[in-house]
Amino acid sequence: MLFSRFPRVQLATLPTPLQHLPRYGELTNHPQLYIKRDDFMALGMGGNKLRSSG
């Protein structure tokens, strides 16, 4: 079965933003520390459950 026959449905709002953490970076001696904000995804789907297909 060819999946290309089916229409694509966007399940996630991508890309999720990155947030610079200067104070925590200073504390851990990593001044360029960033965190990926998966909590900004709709429907409580944070984490690595959904992937972009490119």
N, C-alpha and C. Protein backbone atom coordinates (compact mmCIF):
# COMPACT_ATOMS: atom_id res chain seq x y z
N MET A 1 0.84 -1.17 0.00
CA MET A 1 0.00 0.00 0.00
C MET A 1 0.90 1.25 0.00
N LEU A 2 0.60 2.17 -0.86
CA LEU A 2 1.36 3.42 -0.94
C LEU A 2 0.69 4.48 -0.08
N PHE A 3 1.41 4.95 0.92
CA PHE A 3 0.86 5.98 1.80
C PHE A 3 0.74 7.32 1.11
N SER A 4 1.45 7.50 0.00
CA SER A 4 1.38 8.78 -0.71
C SER A 4 -0.01 9.01 -1.30
N ARG A 5 -0.84 8.00 -1.36
CA ARG A 5 -2.20 8.15 -1.87
C ARG A 5 -3.11 8.87 -0.88
N PHE A 6 -2.74 8.89 0.39
CA PHE A 6 -3.57 9.49 1.41
C PHE A 6 -3.18 10.96 1.63
N PRO A 7 -4.16 11.81 1.89
CA PRO A 7 -3.82 13.22 2.15
C PRO A 7 -3.12 13.36 3.49
N ARG A 8 -2.23 14.37 3.58
CA ARG A 8 -1.52 14.63 4.83
C ARG A 8 -2.40 15.45 5.76
N VAL A 9 -2.26 15.18 7.04
CA VAL A 9 -2.99 15.90 8.07
C VAL A 9 -1.96 16.45 9.05
N GLN A 10 -2.00 17.75 9.30
CA GLN A 10 -1.06 18.34 10.26
C GLN A 10 -1.56 18.08 11.67
N LEU A 11 -0.78 17.35 12.46
CA LEU A 11 -1.16 16.98 13.82
C LEU A 11 -0.49 17.84 14.87
N ALA A 12 0.57 18.52 14.50
CA ALA A 12 1.31 19.31 15.49
C ALA A 12 1.57 20.70 14.94
N THR A 13 1.69 21.65 15.84
CA THR A 13 2.09 23.00 15.48
C THR A 13 3.61 23.04 15.57
N LEU A 14 4.25 23.04 14.43
CA LEU A 14 5.71 22.96 14.39
C LEU A 14 6.28 24.17 13.69
N PRO A 15 7.47 24.58 13.95
CA PRO A 15 8.36 24.05 14.98
C PRO A 15 8.02 24.64 16.35
N THR A 16 8.35 23.91 17.37
CA THR A 16 8.17 24.44 18.73
C THR A 16 9.36 25.36 19.03
N PRO A 17 9.14 26.41 19.82
CA PRO A 17 10.20 27.39 20.04
C PRO A 17 11.30 26.89 20.98
N LEU A 18 12.47 27.51 20.84
CA LEU A 18 13.58 27.30 21.76
C LEU A 18 13.65 28.51 22.68
N GLN A 19 13.99 28.27 23.93
CA GLN A 19 14.09 29.36 24.88
C GLN A 19 15.47 29.33 25.52
N HIS A 20 16.14 30.47 25.49
CA HIS A 20 17.46 30.60 26.10
C HIS A 20 17.31 30.64 27.62
N LEU A 21 18.15 29.90 28.33
CA LEU A 21 18.12 29.84 29.80
C LEU A 21 19.43 30.41 30.35
N PRO A 22 19.59 31.73 30.34
CA PRO A 22 20.89 32.29 30.74
C PRO A 22 21.24 32.04 32.21
N ARG A 23 20.27 32.14 33.11
CA ARG A 23 20.58 31.96 34.53
C ARG A 23 20.93 30.51 34.85
N TYR A 24 20.17 29.57 34.32
CA TYR A 24 20.48 28.16 34.56
C TYR A 24 21.77 27.77 33.84
N GLY A 25 22.00 28.38 32.68
CA GLY A 25 23.25 28.15 31.96
C GLY A 25 24.47 28.60 32.76
N GLU A 26 24.35 29.77 33.41
CA GLU A 26 25.43 30.25 34.26
C GLU A 26 25.66 29.30 35.44
N LEU A 27 24.58 28.84 36.03
CA LEU A 27 24.67 27.93 37.17
C LEU A 27 25.35 26.62 36.81
N THR A 28 25.09 26.11 35.60
CA THR A 28 25.64 24.83 35.17
C THR A 28 26.89 24.97 34.31
N ASN A 29 27.39 26.22 34.18
CA ASN A 29 28.59 26.51 33.38
C ASN A 29 28.38 26.19 31.90
N HIS A 30 27.16 26.40 31.40
CA HIS A 30 26.81 26.27 29.99
C HIS A 30 26.06 27.53 29.58
N PRO A 31 26.76 28.62 29.28
CA PRO A 31 26.10 29.90 29.04
C PRO A 31 25.17 29.92 27.82
N GLN A 32 25.34 29.01 26.89
CA GLN A 32 24.48 28.96 25.70
C GLN A 32 23.48 27.81 25.80
N LEU A 33 22.85 27.67 26.96
CA LEU A 33 21.89 26.60 27.20
C LEU A 33 20.50 27.01 26.73
N TYR A 34 19.86 26.15 25.95
CA TYR A 34 18.52 26.38 25.43
C TYR A 34 17.65 25.18 25.77
N ILE A 35 16.35 25.41 25.84
CA ILE A 35 15.40 24.32 26.06
C ILE A 35 14.35 24.37 24.95
N LYS A 36 13.94 23.21 24.49
CA LYS A 36 12.90 23.11 23.47
C LYS A 36 11.56 23.13 24.18
N ARG A 37 10.67 24.05 23.83
CA ARG A 37 9.42 24.26 24.54
C ARG A 37 8.28 23.42 23.94
N ASP A 38 8.29 22.12 24.19
CA ASP A 38 7.22 21.25 23.71
C ASP A 38 5.91 21.51 24.42
N ASP A 39 5.94 22.24 25.54
CA ASP A 39 4.70 22.55 26.23
C ASP A 39 3.86 23.57 25.45
N PHE A 40 4.39 24.14 24.38
CA PHE A 40 3.65 25.06 23.53
C PHE A 40 2.79 24.33 22.51
N MET A 41 2.93 23.01 22.41
CA MET A 41 2.14 22.24 21.44
C MET A 41 0.69 22.17 21.89
N ALA A 42 -0.21 22.16 20.93
CA ALA A 42 -1.64 22.08 21.23
C ALA A 42 -2.02 20.68 21.71
N LEU A 43 -3.14 20.60 22.38
CA LEU A 43 -3.74 19.33 22.78
C LEU A 43 -2.90 18.51 23.76
N GLY A 44 -1.99 19.14 24.47
CA GLY A 44 -1.20 18.41 25.45
C GLY A 44 -0.30 17.36 24.87
N MET A 45 0.17 17.57 23.66
CA MET A 45 1.00 16.56 22.99
C MET A 45 2.48 16.89 23.09
N GLY A 46 2.93 17.35 24.22
CA GLY A 46 4.34 17.66 24.38
C GLY A 46 5.19 16.41 24.34
N GLY A 47 6.48 16.60 24.23
CA GLY A 47 7.39 15.46 24.18
C GLY A 47 7.71 15.07 22.76
N ASN A 48 8.11 13.84 22.56
CA ASN A 48 8.56 13.41 21.24
C ASN A 48 7.54 12.50 20.55
N LYS A 49 6.27 12.75 20.73
CA LYS A 49 5.26 11.86 20.17
C LYS A 49 4.99 12.13 18.69
N LEU A 50 5.09 13.38 18.27
CA LEU A 50 4.81 13.72 16.88
C LEU A 50 6.07 14.23 16.21
N ARG A 51 6.22 13.86 14.96
CA ARG A 51 7.40 14.26 14.19
C ARG A 51 6.94 14.94 12.91
N SER A 52 7.75 15.87 12.45
CA SER A 52 7.49 16.50 11.17
C SER A 52 7.99 15.56 10.07
N SER A 53 7.25 15.46 8.99
CA SER A 53 7.65 14.58 7.91
C SER A 53 8.53 15.30 6.89
N GLY A 54 8.94 16.49 7.21
CA GLY A 54 9.91 17.16 6.37
C GLY A 54 9.33 18.25 5.62
